[in-house]
Amino acid sequence: MIRVCLVDDQHLVRHGIRRLLDLNGGIEVVAEADDGQAAVEAIVEHEPDVVLLDLRMPRHDGIWALQTLRDREIDVPVLVLTTFDDDELVLAALRAGARGYLLKDVTLHELVDAVETLAGGGTLMRPAITDRLLRALREGEAPAPEHPDLPVSPLTDRERDVLRLLAAGLSNREIAESLVLAEGTVKNHVSNVLMKLGTRDRTRAVLRALHHGLLN
């Protein structure tokens, strides 16, 4: 059973998401919160496997919650719930440690898949957000990665191929199909990419790769 914490200041939104998740027998909503401070308290108390986090909230917003979790070294997978006009906030959320993002008009299948992906240690990067990052980088506005001056180890040609597809939001299975490789081989390449870039997840790897010009 995957344990989830819902964070949104709108009761109807939380109720709708809870009802969707209740349709899946493998996911349980163990806590709800209506702002960032309440979210941090709920996460500490209930230790969920995944957090679904809204960004625009009164008092303490989603960015505040992500930064507080990072400062307290609370490592919980956070999936941002956003709308089409949240580009800058999404970038800030990724910089603060979010593992990915999901639009609020999500389908049940997409929602469940996202929760399962994060619970399994993955991230949710889509081509749209990568395009925004690339555009922001060209305009000098992309969020810097953590420890931007930390050197990265050279990637092999195959690792660069995997990195580009990873940045495009493809899953390991989709990367394997695209490169005609075994999924286990792709997992190994992804692990090597993360290690060489000095990051622990795909989102931070994409940010560091952008910062060092590896995706130009």
N, C-alpha and C. Protein backbone atom coordinates (compact mmCIF):
# COMPACT_ATOMS: atom_id res chain seq x y z
N MET A 1 0.84 -1.20 0.00
CA MET A 1 0.00 0.00 0.00
C MET A 1 0.88 1.25 0.00
N ILE A 2 0.66 2.14 -0.96
CA ILE A 2 1.40 3.40 -1.04
C ILE A 2 0.66 4.46 -0.23
N ARG A 3 1.34 5.07 0.72
CA ARG A 3 0.73 6.04 1.62
C ARG A 3 0.99 7.45 1.09
N VAL A 4 -0.08 8.23 0.94
CA VAL A 4 0.00 9.53 0.29
C VAL A 4 -0.47 10.64 1.21
N CYS A 5 0.20 11.80 1.12
CA CYS A 5 -0.25 13.01 1.80
C CYS A 5 -0.68 14.02 0.74
N LEU A 6 -1.90 14.55 0.86
CA LEU A 6 -2.44 15.54 -0.07
C LEU A 6 -2.30 16.94 0.51
N VAL A 7 -1.76 17.86 -0.28
CA VAL A 7 -1.59 19.23 0.21
C VAL A 7 -2.18 20.19 -0.82
N ASP A 8 -3.28 20.83 -0.45
CA ASP A 8 -3.95 21.81 -1.31
C ASP A 8 -4.86 22.64 -0.44
N ASP A 9 -4.92 23.96 -0.68
CA ASP A 9 -5.74 24.81 0.17
C ASP A 9 -7.22 24.71 -0.18
N GLN A 10 -7.57 24.07 -1.29
CA GLN A 10 -8.97 23.95 -1.69
C GLN A 10 -9.52 22.57 -1.28
N HIS A 11 -10.50 22.61 -0.42
CA HIS A 11 -11.07 21.35 0.08
C HIS A 11 -11.64 20.50 -1.05
N LEU A 12 -12.32 21.12 -2.01
CA LEU A 12 -12.93 20.37 -3.10
C LEU A 12 -11.87 19.67 -3.95
N VAL A 13 -10.72 20.31 -4.14
CA VAL A 13 -9.64 19.69 -4.91
C VAL A 13 -9.11 18.48 -4.17
N ARG A 14 -8.87 18.63 -2.86
CA ARG A 14 -8.39 17.49 -2.07
C ARG A 14 -9.40 16.35 -2.09
N HIS A 15 -10.67 16.71 -1.94
CA HIS A 15 -11.72 15.69 -1.94
C HIS A 15 -11.75 14.94 -3.27
N GLY A 16 -11.61 15.68 -4.38
CA GLY A 16 -11.64 15.05 -5.69
C GLY A 16 -10.46 14.12 -5.90
N ILE A 17 -9.27 14.56 -5.49
CA ILE A 17 -8.08 13.72 -5.65
C ILE A 17 -8.19 12.48 -4.76
N ARG A 18 -8.66 12.67 -3.54
CA ARG A 18 -8.82 11.52 -2.64
C ARG A 18 -9.77 10.50 -3.24
N ARG A 19 -10.88 10.95 -3.80
CA ARG A 19 -11.85 10.03 -4.39
C ARG A 19 -11.24 9.28 -5.57
N LEU A 20 -10.44 9.97 -6.37
CA LEU A 20 -9.76 9.30 -7.47
C LEU A 20 -8.81 8.22 -6.95
N LEU A 21 -8.02 8.59 -5.96
CA LEU A 21 -7.05 7.63 -5.43
C LEU A 21 -7.73 6.45 -4.74
N ASP A 22 -8.88 6.71 -4.14
CA ASP A 22 -9.62 5.63 -3.47
C ASP A 22 -10.07 4.54 -4.44
N LEU A 23 -10.13 4.90 -5.74
CA LEU A 23 -10.53 3.92 -6.74
C LEU A 23 -9.43 2.90 -7.00
N ASN A 24 -8.23 3.20 -6.52
CA ASN A 24 -7.11 2.28 -6.68
C ASN A 24 -6.83 1.61 -5.34
N GLY A 25 -6.88 0.30 -5.33
CA GLY A 25 -6.71 -0.41 -4.06
C GLY A 25 -5.32 -0.38 -3.48
N GLY A 26 -4.34 0.10 -4.26
CA GLY A 26 -2.97 0.08 -3.75
C GLY A 26 -2.49 1.41 -3.21
N ILE A 27 -3.38 2.41 -3.10
CA ILE A 27 -2.99 3.73 -2.62
C ILE A 27 -3.91 4.16 -1.49
N GLU A 28 -3.33 4.69 -0.43
CA GLU A 28 -4.11 5.16 0.71
C GLU A 28 -3.71 6.59 1.08
N VAL A 29 -4.68 7.48 1.17
CA VAL A 29 -4.42 8.85 1.63
C VAL A 29 -4.40 8.84 3.15
N VAL A 30 -3.23 9.11 3.72
CA VAL A 30 -3.07 9.03 5.17
C VAL A 30 -3.11 10.39 5.84
N ALA A 31 -3.01 11.47 5.05
CA ALA A 31 -3.01 12.81 5.65
C ALA A 31 -3.37 13.84 4.60
N GLU A 32 -3.95 14.95 5.06
CA GLU A 32 -4.25 16.10 4.21
C GLU A 32 -3.77 17.37 4.90
N ALA A 33 -3.45 18.39 4.12
CA ALA A 33 -3.03 19.67 4.68
C ALA A 33 -3.44 20.77 3.73
N ASP A 34 -3.66 21.98 4.29
CA ASP A 34 -4.14 23.08 3.46
C ASP A 34 -3.13 24.21 3.30
N ASP A 35 -1.91 24.04 3.83
CA ASP A 35 -0.84 25.00 3.56
C ASP A 35 0.50 24.33 3.85
N GLY A 36 1.59 25.04 3.56
CA GLY A 36 2.91 24.45 3.66
C GLY A 36 3.29 24.01 5.06
N GLN A 37 2.97 24.83 6.06
CA GLN A 37 3.35 24.48 7.42
C GLN A 37 2.61 23.24 7.89
N ALA A 38 1.30 23.19 7.61
CA ALA A 38 0.52 22.01 7.98
C ALA A 38 1.02 20.79 7.23
N ALA A 39 1.50 20.99 6.01
CA ALA A 39 2.03 19.88 5.22
C ALA A 39 3.27 19.28 5.88
N VAL A 40 4.20 20.14 6.27
CA VAL A 40 5.43 19.67 6.90
C VAL A 40 5.09 18.90 8.19
N GLU A 41 4.17 19.44 8.98
CA GLU A 41 3.78 18.77 10.22
C GLU A 41 3.15 17.41 9.94
N ALA A 42 2.30 17.33 8.90
CA ALA A 42 1.65 16.07 8.55
C ALA A 42 2.67 15.06 8.04
N ILE A 43 3.64 15.53 7.27
CA ILE A 43 4.66 14.63 6.73
C ILE A 43 5.52 14.05 7.86
N VAL A 44 5.88 14.89 8.80
CA VAL A 44 6.67 14.42 9.95
C VAL A 44 5.87 13.40 10.76
N GLU A 45 4.59 13.66 10.95
CA GLU A 45 3.77 12.78 11.78
C GLU A 45 3.44 11.46 11.09
N HIS A 46 3.07 11.51 9.81
CA HIS A 46 2.56 10.31 9.14
C HIS A 46 3.57 9.60 8.24
N GLU A 47 4.69 10.25 7.93
CA GLU A 47 5.75 9.65 7.11
C GLU A 47 5.19 8.99 5.84
N PRO A 48 4.54 9.77 4.98
CA PRO A 48 3.96 9.19 3.76
C PRO A 48 5.05 8.76 2.78
N ASP A 49 4.65 7.92 1.83
CA ASP A 49 5.57 7.48 0.79
C ASP A 49 5.68 8.52 -0.33
N VAL A 50 4.60 9.27 -0.55
CA VAL A 50 4.56 10.27 -1.61
C VAL A 50 3.73 11.46 -1.13
N VAL A 51 4.14 12.67 -1.51
CA VAL A 51 3.38 13.88 -1.21
C VAL A 51 2.91 14.51 -2.52
N LEU A 52 1.62 14.79 -2.62
CA LEU A 52 1.07 15.55 -3.74
C LEU A 52 0.89 16.99 -3.26
N LEU A 53 1.64 17.91 -3.83
CA LEU A 53 1.76 19.26 -3.27
C LEU A 53 1.31 20.34 -4.24
N ASP A 54 0.35 21.14 -3.80
CA ASP A 54 -0.04 22.33 -4.55
C ASP A 54 1.02 23.40 -4.29
N LEU A 55 1.17 24.34 -5.21
CA LEU A 55 2.16 25.40 -5.04
C LEU A 55 1.56 26.70 -4.56
N ARG A 56 0.40 27.06 -5.09
CA ARG A 56 -0.22 28.33 -4.74
C ARG A 56 -1.16 28.14 -3.54
N MET A 57 -0.67 28.53 -2.36
CA MET A 57 -1.47 28.43 -1.14
C MET A 57 -1.21 29.65 -0.29
N PRO A 58 -2.20 30.07 0.53
CA PRO A 58 -1.98 31.21 1.42
C PRO A 58 -1.01 30.84 2.52
N ARG A 59 -0.56 31.85 3.23
CA ARG A 59 0.41 31.68 4.31
C ARG A 59 1.68 31.04 3.77
N HIS A 60 1.96 29.80 4.11
CA HIS A 60 3.16 29.14 3.63
C HIS A 60 2.81 28.29 2.41
N ASP A 61 3.44 28.60 1.27
CA ASP A 61 3.07 27.93 0.03
C ASP A 61 3.89 26.65 -0.18
N GLY A 62 3.74 26.07 -1.38
CA GLY A 62 4.42 24.82 -1.68
C GLY A 62 5.93 24.95 -1.73
N ILE A 63 6.44 26.07 -2.24
CA ILE A 63 7.89 26.29 -2.29
C ILE A 63 8.45 26.33 -0.88
N TRP A 64 7.76 27.02 0.01
CA TRP A 64 8.19 27.08 1.42
C TRP A 64 8.26 25.68 2.01
N ALA A 65 7.25 24.87 1.72
CA ALA A 65 7.23 23.50 2.26
C ALA A 65 8.41 22.70 1.73
N LEU A 66 8.69 22.79 0.43
CA LEU A 66 9.81 22.06 -0.15
C LEU A 66 11.14 22.50 0.46
N GLN A 67 11.32 23.80 0.62
CA GLN A 67 12.56 24.30 1.20
C GLN A 67 12.71 23.87 2.65
N THR A 68 11.60 23.86 3.38
CA THR A 68 11.64 23.43 4.78
C THR A 68 11.99 21.95 4.89
N LEU A 69 11.39 21.14 4.04
CA LEU A 69 11.72 19.71 4.03
C LEU A 69 13.20 19.49 3.73
N ARG A 70 13.71 20.26 2.76
CA ARG A 70 15.12 20.13 2.40
C ARG A 70 16.01 20.57 3.56
N ASP A 71 15.67 21.68 4.19
CA ASP A 71 16.49 22.18 5.30
C ASP A 71 16.50 21.21 6.47
N ARG A 72 15.40 20.52 6.68
CA ARG A 72 15.31 19.55 7.77
C ARG A 72 15.80 18.16 7.36
N GLU A 73 16.25 18.06 6.12
CA GLU A 73 16.75 16.79 5.57
C GLU A 73 15.69 15.69 5.65
N ILE A 74 14.45 16.07 5.34
CA ILE A 74 13.35 15.10 5.27
C ILE A 74 13.21 14.68 3.81
N ASP A 75 13.64 13.48 3.51
CA ASP A 75 13.69 13.02 2.12
C ASP A 75 12.42 12.24 1.78
N VAL A 76 11.42 12.94 1.27
CA VAL A 76 10.17 12.31 0.87
C VAL A 76 9.89 12.74 -0.58
N PRO A 77 9.49 11.81 -1.44
CA PRO A 77 9.19 12.17 -2.83
C PRO A 77 8.00 13.12 -2.92
N VAL A 78 8.19 14.26 -3.54
CA VAL A 78 7.14 15.26 -3.67
C VAL A 78 6.79 15.47 -5.14
N LEU A 79 5.52 15.32 -5.44
CA LEU A 79 5.02 15.57 -6.80
C LEU A 79 4.18 16.84 -6.76
N VAL A 80 4.58 17.82 -7.55
CA VAL A 80 3.89 19.11 -7.58
C VAL A 80 2.61 19.01 -8.40
N LEU A 81 1.54 19.58 -7.88
CA LEU A 81 0.28 19.70 -8.61
C LEU A 81 0.20 21.12 -9.13
N THR A 82 0.09 21.30 -10.43
CA THR A 82 0.21 22.63 -11.00
C THR A 82 -0.83 22.86 -12.09
N THR A 83 -0.88 24.10 -12.56
CA THR A 83 -1.73 24.47 -13.68
C THR A 83 -0.85 24.99 -14.80
N PHE A 84 -1.44 25.29 -15.94
CA PHE A 84 -0.66 25.67 -17.11
C PHE A 84 0.11 26.97 -16.94
N ASP A 85 -0.29 27.82 -15.99
CA ASP A 85 0.37 29.12 -15.86
C ASP A 85 1.37 29.16 -14.71
N ASP A 86 1.84 28.00 -14.29
CA ASP A 86 2.74 27.94 -13.15
C ASP A 86 4.20 27.69 -13.53
N ASP A 87 4.62 28.07 -14.74
CA ASP A 87 5.96 27.74 -15.21
C ASP A 87 7.05 28.12 -14.22
N GLU A 88 7.05 29.38 -13.78
CA GLU A 88 8.10 29.84 -12.89
C GLU A 88 8.07 29.11 -11.55
N LEU A 89 6.87 28.86 -11.04
CA LEU A 89 6.77 28.14 -9.78
C LEU A 89 7.25 26.71 -9.92
N VAL A 90 6.93 26.08 -11.05
CA VAL A 90 7.40 24.71 -11.27
C VAL A 90 8.91 24.65 -11.29
N LEU A 91 9.54 25.59 -11.97
CA LEU A 91 11.01 25.64 -12.00
C LEU A 91 11.57 25.82 -10.59
N ALA A 92 10.96 26.70 -9.81
CA ALA A 92 11.41 26.92 -8.44
C ALA A 92 11.21 25.67 -7.60
N ALA A 93 10.11 24.95 -7.84
CA ALA A 93 9.84 23.73 -7.09
C ALA A 93 10.85 22.65 -7.41
N LEU A 94 11.22 22.51 -8.67
CA LEU A 94 12.23 21.53 -9.05
C LEU A 94 13.57 21.88 -8.40
N ARG A 95 13.87 23.15 -8.38
CA ARG A 95 15.11 23.60 -7.74
C ARG A 95 15.09 23.28 -6.25
N ALA A 96 13.92 23.36 -5.62
CA ALA A 96 13.79 23.13 -4.19
C ALA A 96 13.70 21.65 -3.83
N GLY A 97 13.65 20.79 -4.84
CA GLY A 97 13.70 19.36 -4.52
C GLY A 97 12.53 18.52 -4.96
N ALA A 98 11.53 19.10 -5.64
CA ALA A 98 10.40 18.30 -6.12
C ALA A 98 10.89 17.26 -7.11
N ARG A 99 10.24 16.11 -7.12
CA ARG A 99 10.66 15.02 -8.02
C ARG A 99 9.95 15.08 -9.37
N GLY A 100 9.06 16.03 -9.56
CA GLY A 100 8.35 16.14 -10.82
C GLY A 100 7.08 16.95 -10.65
N TYR A 101 6.27 16.96 -11.68
CA TYR A 101 5.05 17.76 -11.62
C TYR A 101 3.93 17.06 -12.38
N LEU A 102 2.69 17.46 -12.07
CA LEU A 102 1.50 16.89 -12.70
C LEU A 102 0.47 17.99 -12.82
N LEU A 103 -0.20 18.05 -13.97
CA LEU A 103 -1.25 19.05 -14.15
C LEU A 103 -2.51 18.63 -13.40
N LYS A 104 -3.28 19.63 -12.96
CA LYS A 104 -4.45 19.33 -12.14
C LYS A 104 -5.62 18.73 -12.93
N ASP A 105 -5.53 18.75 -14.24
CA ASP A 105 -6.59 18.11 -15.02
C ASP A 105 -6.22 16.65 -15.34
N VAL A 106 -5.45 16.06 -14.45
CA VAL A 106 -4.92 14.72 -14.63
C VAL A 106 -6.04 13.66 -14.70
N THR A 107 -5.78 12.59 -15.45
CA THR A 107 -6.69 11.45 -15.45
C THR A 107 -6.34 10.52 -14.30
N LEU A 108 -7.24 9.62 -13.97
CA LEU A 108 -6.97 8.66 -12.90
C LEU A 108 -5.74 7.83 -13.22
N HIS A 109 -5.64 7.36 -14.46
CA HIS A 109 -4.49 6.53 -14.84
C HIS A 109 -3.19 7.30 -14.67
N GLU A 110 -3.15 8.55 -15.10
CA GLU A 110 -1.94 9.35 -14.99
C GLU A 110 -1.59 9.62 -13.53
N LEU A 111 -2.60 9.88 -12.72
CA LEU A 111 -2.37 10.15 -11.31
C LEU A 111 -1.79 8.93 -10.61
N VAL A 112 -2.40 7.78 -10.82
CA VAL A 112 -1.93 6.56 -10.18
C VAL A 112 -0.52 6.22 -10.66
N ASP A 113 -0.30 6.37 -11.97
CA ASP A 113 1.02 6.08 -12.52
C ASP A 113 2.08 7.00 -11.92
N ALA A 114 1.74 8.26 -11.73
CA ALA A 114 2.68 9.21 -11.14
C ALA A 114 3.01 8.85 -9.70
N VAL A 115 2.00 8.52 -8.92
CA VAL A 115 2.21 8.14 -7.53
C VAL A 115 3.08 6.89 -7.44
N GLU A 116 2.79 5.91 -8.27
CA GLU A 116 3.56 4.66 -8.26
C GLU A 116 5.00 4.91 -8.70
N THR A 117 5.18 5.82 -9.68
CA THR A 117 6.53 6.13 -10.15
C THR A 117 7.37 6.74 -9.05
N LEU A 118 6.82 7.72 -8.33
CA LEU A 118 7.58 8.36 -7.26
C LEU A 118 7.81 7.40 -6.10
N ALA A 119 6.80 6.60 -5.77
CA ALA A 119 6.95 5.65 -4.68
C ALA A 119 8.04 4.62 -4.98
N GLY A 120 8.23 4.35 -6.27
CA GLY A 120 9.26 3.40 -6.68
C GLY A 120 10.64 4.01 -6.85
N GLY A 121 10.78 5.29 -6.50
CA GLY A 121 12.08 5.94 -6.58
C GLY A 121 12.32 6.73 -7.85
N GLY A 122 11.32 6.81 -8.72
CA GLY A 122 11.49 7.53 -9.97
C GLY A 122 11.11 8.99 -9.87
N THR A 123 11.19 9.68 -10.98
CA THR A 123 10.78 11.08 -11.08
C THR A 123 9.85 11.23 -12.27
N LEU A 124 9.20 12.37 -12.35
CA LEU A 124 8.23 12.59 -13.42
C LEU A 124 8.60 13.87 -14.16
N MET A 125 9.46 13.72 -15.15
CA MET A 125 9.85 14.84 -15.99
C MET A 125 9.18 14.69 -17.34
N ARG A 126 8.50 15.71 -17.80
CA ARG A 126 7.83 15.66 -19.08
C ARG A 126 8.54 16.59 -20.07
N PRO A 127 8.41 16.33 -21.37
CA PRO A 127 9.08 17.18 -22.36
C PRO A 127 8.76 18.66 -22.21
N ALA A 128 7.53 18.98 -21.83
CA ALA A 128 7.14 20.39 -21.73
C ALA A 128 8.00 21.13 -20.71
N ILE A 129 8.23 20.53 -19.55
CA ILE A 129 9.01 21.23 -18.54
C ILE A 129 10.47 21.30 -18.94
N THR A 130 10.96 20.27 -19.66
CA THR A 130 12.34 20.31 -20.12
C THR A 130 12.52 21.42 -21.14
N ASP A 131 11.54 21.60 -22.02
CA ASP A 131 11.60 22.70 -22.99
C ASP A 131 11.67 24.04 -22.27
N ARG A 132 10.90 24.18 -21.20
CA ARG A 132 10.92 25.44 -20.45
C ARG A 132 12.28 25.66 -19.81
N LEU A 133 12.87 24.57 -19.28
CA LEU A 133 14.19 24.69 -18.68
C LEU A 133 15.23 25.10 -19.71
N LEU A 134 15.16 24.48 -20.88
CA LEU A 134 16.11 24.84 -21.94
C LEU A 134 15.95 26.30 -22.35
N ARG A 135 14.70 26.73 -22.49
CA ARG A 135 14.45 28.12 -22.87
C ARG A 135 14.94 29.07 -21.78
N ALA A 136 14.68 28.71 -20.52
CA ALA A 136 15.11 29.55 -19.42
C ALA A 136 16.64 29.61 -19.34
N LEU A 137 17.28 28.49 -19.67
CA LEU A 137 18.75 28.47 -19.65
C LEU A 137 19.31 29.42 -20.70
N ARG A 138 18.72 29.37 -21.90
CA ARG A 138 19.18 30.25 -22.97
C ARG A 138 18.99 31.72 -22.59
N GLU A 139 17.95 32.00 -21.81
CA GLU A 139 17.65 33.37 -21.42
C GLU A 139 18.33 33.76 -20.11
N GLY A 140 19.12 32.83 -19.58
CA GLY A 140 19.84 33.10 -18.35
C GLY A 140 18.99 33.09 -17.11
N GLU A 141 17.84 32.40 -17.16
CA GLU A 141 16.91 32.42 -16.03
C GLU A 141 16.71 31.04 -15.40
N ALA A 142 17.39 30.03 -15.89
CA ALA A 142 17.18 28.68 -15.35
C ALA A 142 17.67 28.60 -13.92
N PRO A 143 17.00 27.88 -13.06
CA PRO A 143 17.45 27.72 -11.68
C PRO A 143 18.76 26.95 -11.64
N ALA A 144 19.70 27.43 -10.88
CA ALA A 144 20.98 26.72 -10.77
C ALA A 144 20.79 25.45 -9.96
N PRO A 145 21.54 24.41 -10.29
CA PRO A 145 21.45 23.19 -9.50
C PRO A 145 22.12 23.37 -8.15
N GLU A 146 21.88 22.45 -7.25
CA GLU A 146 22.58 22.47 -5.98
C GLU A 146 24.07 22.27 -6.24
N HIS A 147 24.92 23.01 -5.52
CA HIS A 147 26.37 22.93 -5.68
C HIS A 147 26.76 23.03 -7.15
N PRO A 148 26.46 24.16 -7.80
CA PRO A 148 26.67 24.30 -9.25
C PRO A 148 28.13 24.13 -9.68
N ASP A 149 29.08 24.39 -8.79
CA ASP A 149 30.49 24.30 -9.15
C ASP A 149 31.06 22.90 -9.00
N LEU A 150 30.26 21.98 -8.52
CA LEU A 150 30.72 20.60 -8.37
C LEU A 150 31.00 20.01 -9.75
N PRO A 151 32.23 19.51 -9.99
CA PRO A 151 32.54 18.98 -11.33
C PRO A 151 31.76 17.70 -11.62
N VAL A 152 31.55 17.45 -12.91
CA VAL A 152 30.86 16.23 -13.33
C VAL A 152 31.85 15.37 -14.11
N SER A 153 31.67 14.07 -14.01
CA SER A 153 32.53 13.14 -14.73
C SER A 153 32.05 13.01 -16.17
N PRO A 154 32.97 12.77 -17.11
CA PRO A 154 32.57 12.63 -18.52
C PRO A 154 31.60 11.47 -18.72
N LEU A 155 30.63 11.69 -19.59
CA LEU A 155 29.66 10.66 -19.92
C LEU A 155 30.06 9.96 -21.21
N THR A 156 29.76 8.68 -21.29
CA THR A 156 29.97 7.96 -22.54
C THR A 156 28.90 8.40 -23.54
N ASP A 157 29.10 8.06 -24.81
CA ASP A 157 28.12 8.40 -25.83
C ASP A 157 26.76 7.79 -25.50
N ARG A 158 26.76 6.55 -25.04
CA ARG A 158 25.49 5.89 -24.71
C ARG A 158 24.83 6.56 -23.52
N GLU A 159 25.62 6.98 -22.53
CA GLU A 159 25.05 7.67 -21.37
C GLU A 159 24.46 9.02 -21.77
N ARG A 160 25.07 9.68 -22.74
CA ARG A 160 24.50 10.93 -23.25
C ARG A 160 23.16 10.67 -23.95
N ASP A 161 23.10 9.57 -24.70
CA ASP A 161 21.83 9.20 -25.34
C ASP A 161 20.75 9.00 -24.29
N VAL A 162 21.09 8.27 -23.24
CA VAL A 162 20.14 8.00 -22.17
C VAL A 162 19.74 9.29 -21.47
N LEU A 163 20.72 10.18 -21.23
CA LEU A 163 20.45 11.44 -20.56
C LEU A 163 19.47 12.29 -21.37
N ARG A 164 19.64 12.36 -22.69
CA ARG A 164 18.74 13.16 -23.52
C ARG A 164 17.31 12.62 -23.46
N LEU A 165 17.16 11.31 -23.50
CA LEU A 165 15.82 10.72 -23.43
C LEU A 165 15.24 10.86 -22.02
N LEU A 166 16.10 10.75 -21.04
CA LEU A 166 15.67 10.95 -19.65
C LEU A 166 15.14 12.37 -19.47
N ALA A 167 15.85 13.34 -20.05
CA ALA A 167 15.44 14.74 -19.95
C ALA A 167 14.14 15.00 -20.69
N ALA A 168 13.86 14.17 -21.70
CA ALA A 168 12.61 14.32 -22.45
C ALA A 168 11.43 13.71 -21.72
N GLY A 169 11.68 13.12 -20.55
CA GLY A 169 10.60 12.60 -19.74
C GLY A 169 10.28 11.14 -19.96
N LEU A 170 11.12 10.41 -20.70
CA LEU A 170 10.83 9.01 -20.96
C LEU A 170 11.15 8.15 -19.74
N SER A 171 10.37 7.11 -19.56
CA SER A 171 10.62 6.14 -18.51
C SER A 171 11.74 5.20 -18.95
N ASN A 172 12.23 4.37 -18.01
CA ASN A 172 13.27 3.41 -18.37
C ASN A 172 12.79 2.48 -19.49
N ARG A 173 11.55 2.06 -19.40
CA ARG A 173 11.01 1.16 -20.42
C ARG A 173 10.98 1.84 -21.78
N GLU A 174 10.55 3.11 -21.80
CA GLU A 174 10.49 3.84 -23.07
C GLU A 174 11.88 4.11 -23.63
N ILE A 175 12.84 4.38 -22.75
CA ILE A 175 14.21 4.57 -23.20
C ILE A 175 14.75 3.28 -23.80
N ALA A 176 14.46 2.17 -23.13
CA ALA A 176 14.91 0.86 -23.63
C ALA A 176 14.35 0.59 -25.01
N GLU A 177 13.06 0.89 -25.21
CA GLU A 177 12.44 0.66 -26.52
C GLU A 177 13.06 1.58 -27.58
N SER A 178 13.34 2.83 -27.21
CA SER A 178 13.89 3.78 -28.16
C SER A 178 15.31 3.41 -28.60
N LEU A 179 16.12 2.93 -27.65
CA LEU A 179 17.52 2.62 -27.93
C LEU A 179 17.74 1.14 -28.23
N VAL A 180 16.66 0.37 -28.21
CA VAL A 180 16.72 -1.08 -28.45
C VAL A 180 17.71 -1.72 -27.46
N LEU A 181 17.45 -1.49 -26.18
CA LEU A 181 18.26 -2.05 -25.10
C LEU A 181 17.37 -2.78 -24.12
N ALA A 182 17.96 -3.62 -23.31
CA ALA A 182 17.22 -4.25 -22.22
C ALA A 182 16.94 -3.20 -21.15
N GLU A 183 15.78 -3.31 -20.49
CA GLU A 183 15.44 -2.32 -19.47
C GLU A 183 16.46 -2.33 -18.34
N GLY A 184 16.98 -3.50 -18.00
CA GLY A 184 18.01 -3.57 -16.96
C GLY A 184 19.27 -2.81 -17.34
N THR A 185 19.62 -2.86 -18.63
CA THR A 185 20.78 -2.11 -19.11
C THR A 185 20.54 -0.61 -18.98
N VAL A 186 19.34 -0.17 -19.31
CA VAL A 186 18.99 1.24 -19.18
C VAL A 186 19.09 1.68 -17.72
N LYS A 187 18.59 0.87 -16.81
CA LYS A 187 18.67 1.20 -15.38
C LYS A 187 20.12 1.41 -14.96
N ASN A 188 21.00 0.56 -15.47
CA ASN A 188 22.42 0.71 -15.14
C ASN A 188 22.97 2.02 -15.69
N HIS A 189 22.59 2.34 -16.94
CA HIS A 189 23.06 3.59 -17.54
C HIS A 189 22.54 4.80 -16.75
N VAL A 190 21.26 4.75 -16.35
CA VAL A 190 20.69 5.85 -15.58
C VAL A 190 21.45 6.01 -14.26
N SER A 191 21.73 4.90 -13.59
CA SER A 191 22.48 4.95 -12.32
C SER A 191 23.85 5.58 -12.54
N ASN A 192 24.50 5.21 -13.64
CA ASN A 192 25.82 5.79 -13.94
C ASN A 192 25.73 7.29 -14.20
N VAL A 193 24.68 7.70 -14.93
CA VAL A 193 24.49 9.12 -15.22
C VAL A 193 24.30 9.90 -13.92
N LEU A 194 23.44 9.39 -13.03
CA LEU A 194 23.21 10.08 -11.76
C LEU A 194 24.50 10.17 -10.96
N MET A 195 25.27 9.08 -10.94
CA MET A 195 26.51 9.08 -10.18
C MET A 195 27.51 10.07 -10.76
N LYS A 196 27.65 10.09 -12.09
CA LYS A 196 28.63 10.99 -12.70
C LYS A 196 28.22 12.45 -12.58
N LEU A 197 26.91 12.71 -12.53
CA LEU A 197 26.45 14.09 -12.36
C LEU A 197 26.36 14.49 -10.90
N GLY A 198 26.59 13.53 -10.02
CA GLY A 198 26.59 13.83 -8.58
C GLY A 198 25.22 14.17 -8.04
N THR A 199 24.17 13.49 -8.57
CA THR A 199 22.81 13.75 -8.13
C THR A 199 22.16 12.45 -7.70
N ARG A 200 21.03 12.57 -7.00
CA ARG A 200 20.35 11.37 -6.50
C ARG A 200 19.05 11.10 -7.23
N ASP A 201 18.62 12.01 -8.10
CA ASP A 201 17.39 11.73 -8.85
C ASP A 201 17.46 12.41 -10.21
N ARG A 202 16.50 12.07 -11.07
CA ARG A 202 16.52 12.52 -12.46
C ARG A 202 16.30 14.02 -12.60
N THR A 203 15.44 14.58 -11.77
CA THR A 203 15.18 16.02 -11.86
C THR A 203 16.44 16.82 -11.64
N ARG A 204 17.18 16.49 -10.57
CA ARG A 204 18.42 17.21 -10.30
C ARG A 204 19.47 16.92 -11.37
N ALA A 205 19.42 15.72 -11.93
CA ALA A 205 20.36 15.38 -13.00
C ALA A 205 20.12 16.26 -14.23
N VAL A 206 18.85 16.48 -14.58
CA VAL A 206 18.53 17.33 -15.72
C VAL A 206 18.99 18.76 -15.47
N LEU A 207 18.74 19.27 -14.26
CA LEU A 207 19.17 20.63 -13.93
C LEU A 207 20.69 20.76 -14.03
N ARG A 208 21.42 19.77 -13.51
CA ARG A 208 22.88 19.84 -13.57
C ARG A 208 23.37 19.70 -15.02
N ALA A 209 22.72 18.82 -15.77
CA ALA A 209 23.11 18.64 -17.17
C ALA A 209 22.89 19.93 -17.96
N LEU A 210 21.78 20.60 -17.71
CA LEU A 210 21.51 21.88 -18.37
C LEU A 210 22.58 22.91 -17.97
N HIS A 211 22.91 22.94 -16.69
CA HIS A 211 23.86 23.92 -16.19
C HIS A 211 25.23 23.73 -16.84
N HIS A 212 25.60 22.48 -17.09
CA HIS A 212 26.93 22.19 -17.66
C HIS A 212 26.90 22.05 -19.17
N GLY A 213 25.77 22.37 -19.80
CA GLY A 213 25.69 22.36 -21.25
C GLY A 213 25.67 20.99 -21.87
N LEU A 214 25.27 19.97 -21.12
CA LEU A 214 25.29 18.60 -21.64
C LEU A 214 24.07 18.30 -22.49
N LEU A 215 23.07 19.20 -22.49
CA LEU A 215 21.86 18.96 -23.28
C LEU A 215 21.71 19.99 -24.38
N ASN A 216 22.72 20.76 -24.65
CA ASN A 216 22.64 21.79 -25.69
C ASN A 216 22.53 21.13 -27.07
